């Protein structure tokens, strides 16, 4: 039900846009997991698109949005740093407001690798 794509290799300071395509309109969160680290919350957007949230380390650099139809959620990542290197996954839930907890998302897409070189 969820497809995440758009990862790749980019130099520090560069940009990437990740996309998460769902079969319907959901509240969507992006999470990432770096090697030998726990999965962490990155950003989320409510079902309506009216509410968004970010973890402190990406505020001002990443922007989450959704298209007009509402089925695709984007994560625009600018000013990328080597520490942003991780597998990024999107998750969805039917509840209207977002959560920063991965356990509160019922549906997960496959991850997409983002590698930022120094």
Protein backbone atom coordinates (compact mmCIF):
# COMPACT_ATOMS: atom_id res chain seq x y z
CA UNK A 1 0.00 0.00 0.00
CA UNK A 2 2.98 2.29 0.48
CA UNK A 3 5.82 2.89 -1.92
CA UNK A 4 8.80 5.04 -0.95
CA UNK A 5 11.34 6.14 -3.51
CA UNK A 6 13.76 8.90 -4.37
CA UNK A 7 16.82 7.97 -2.33
CA UNK A 8 20.33 8.01 -3.69
CA UNK A 9 23.86 9.25 -3.27
CA UNK A 10 24.43 12.98 -2.88
CA UNK A 11 27.28 15.19 -1.73
CA UNK A 12 27.06 17.14 1.51
CA UNK A 13 25.09 20.32 0.98
CA UNK A 14 23.02 18.75 -1.77
CA UNK A 15 19.31 17.97 -1.97
CA UNK A 16 17.04 15.00 -2.51
CA UNK A 17 13.28 14.61 -2.63
CA UNK A 18 11.72 11.44 -1.29
CA UNK A 19 8.22 10.39 -2.27
CA UNK A 20 5.78 8.14 -0.49
CA UNK A 21 2.83 6.97 -2.54
CA UNK A 22 -0.16 5.50 -0.73
CA UNK A 23 -3.32 3.79 -1.90
CA UNK A 24 -5.39 6.47 -0.18
CA UNK A 25 -5.20 9.56 1.98
CA UNK A 26 -3.47 8.89 5.33
CA UNK A 27 -1.47 10.60 8.00
CA UNK A 28 2.12 9.90 6.98
CA UNK A 29 5.36 9.89 8.87
CA UNK A 30 8.94 9.57 7.69
CA UNK A 31 11.45 7.67 9.79
CA UNK A 32 15.07 6.79 9.25
CA UNK A 33 17.47 4.20 10.56
CA UNK A 34 21.19 4.57 10.28
CA UNK A 35 23.56 1.64 10.55
CA UNK A 36 23.68 0.27 14.10
CA UNK A 37 21.27 2.93 15.35
CA UNK A 38 17.65 2.88 16.35
CA UNK A 39 14.93 4.07 14.02
CA UNK A 40 14.12 7.73 14.56
CA UNK A 41 11.25 10.00 13.68
CA UNK A 42 12.02 12.62 11.03
CA UNK A 43 8.82 14.34 9.94
CA UNK A 44 5.10 13.80 9.65
CA UNK A 45 2.04 15.36 8.07
CA UNK A 46 -1.58 15.01 9.13
CA UNK A 47 -4.22 13.53 6.89
CA UNK A 48 -5.53 16.97 5.96
CA UNK A 49 -2.07 18.36 5.42
CA UNK A 50 -2.78 21.12 7.86
CA UNK A 51 -0.34 19.97 10.51
CA UNK A 52 3.29 19.01 10.19
CA UNK A 53 6.05 18.12 12.61
CA UNK A 54 9.81 17.66 12.47
CA UNK A 55 12.57 16.39 14.66
CA UNK A 56 14.93 19.15 15.74
CA UNK A 57 17.89 17.93 13.69
CA UNK A 58 16.08 18.48 10.38
CA UNK A 59 14.08 21.64 11.10
CA UNK A 60 14.83 24.31 8.54
CA UNK A 61 16.37 21.77 6.16
CA UNK A 62 13.61 19.25 5.46
CA UNK A 63 10.06 19.98 4.34
CA UNK A 64 7.18 17.52 4.28
CA UNK A 65 4.21 18.12 2.00
CA UNK A 66 1.53 16.28 0.07
CA UNK A 67 0.12 16.62 -3.40
CA UNK A 68 -3.35 17.96 -4.12
CA UNK A 69 -4.89 14.51 -4.41
CA UNK A 70 -3.35 13.70 -1.05
CA UNK A 71 -2.07 10.26 -1.91
CA UNK A 72 1.59 11.19 -2.32
CA UNK A 73 3.69 12.70 0.44
CA UNK A 74 7.03 14.31 -0.27
CA UNK A 75 10.06 14.88 1.92
CA UNK A 76 12.24 17.60 0.45
CA UNK A 77 15.69 17.35 1.99
CA UNK A 78 18.07 20.28 1.57
CA UNK A 79 21.51 21.04 2.99
CA UNK A 80 22.11 17.36 3.50
CA UNK A 81 24.82 16.26 5.91
CA UNK A 82 26.73 12.99 6.19
CA UNK A 83 24.85 12.27 9.41
CA UNK A 84 21.62 12.18 7.39
CA UNK A 85 22.81 8.94 5.82
CA UNK A 86 20.26 6.24 6.60
CA UNK A 87 17.48 4.10 5.23
CA UNK A 88 14.38 6.28 5.07
CA UNK A 89 10.93 4.71 5.40
CA UNK A 90 7.46 6.14 5.25
CA UNK A 91 4.59 4.95 7.38
CA UNK A 92 0.88 5.64 7.37
CA UNK A 93 -2.01 5.60 9.77
CA UNK A 94 -5.69 6.31 9.46
CA UNK A 95 -5.93 8.62 12.46
CA UNK A 96 -6.15 12.26 11.44
CA UNK A 97 -3.31 13.64 13.55
CA UNK A 98 0.33 12.59 13.35
CA UNK A 99 2.50 10.80 15.86
CA UNK A 100 6.25 10.76 16.35
CA UNK A 101 6.15 7.15 17.54
CA UNK A 102 6.79 4.45 14.97
CA UNK A 103 4.63 2.00 16.93
CA UNK A 104 1.57 4.13 16.21
CA UNK A 105 1.78 3.66 12.45
CA UNK A 106 0.11 0.54 11.07
CA UNK A 107 1.37 0.55 7.50
CA UNK A 108 4.95 0.71 6.31
CA UNK A 109 6.58 0.97 2.93
CA UNK A 110 9.96 -0.41 1.99
CA UNK A 111 12.90 1.80 2.83
CA UNK A 112 14.97 3.85 0.46
CA UNK A 113 18.66 4.43 1.03
CA UNK A 114 19.99 7.95 1.34
CA UNK A 115 23.76 8.33 1.38
CA UNK A 116 25.41 11.71 1.89
CA UNK A 117 29.11 11.87 1.13
CA UNK A 118 31.43 14.38 2.78
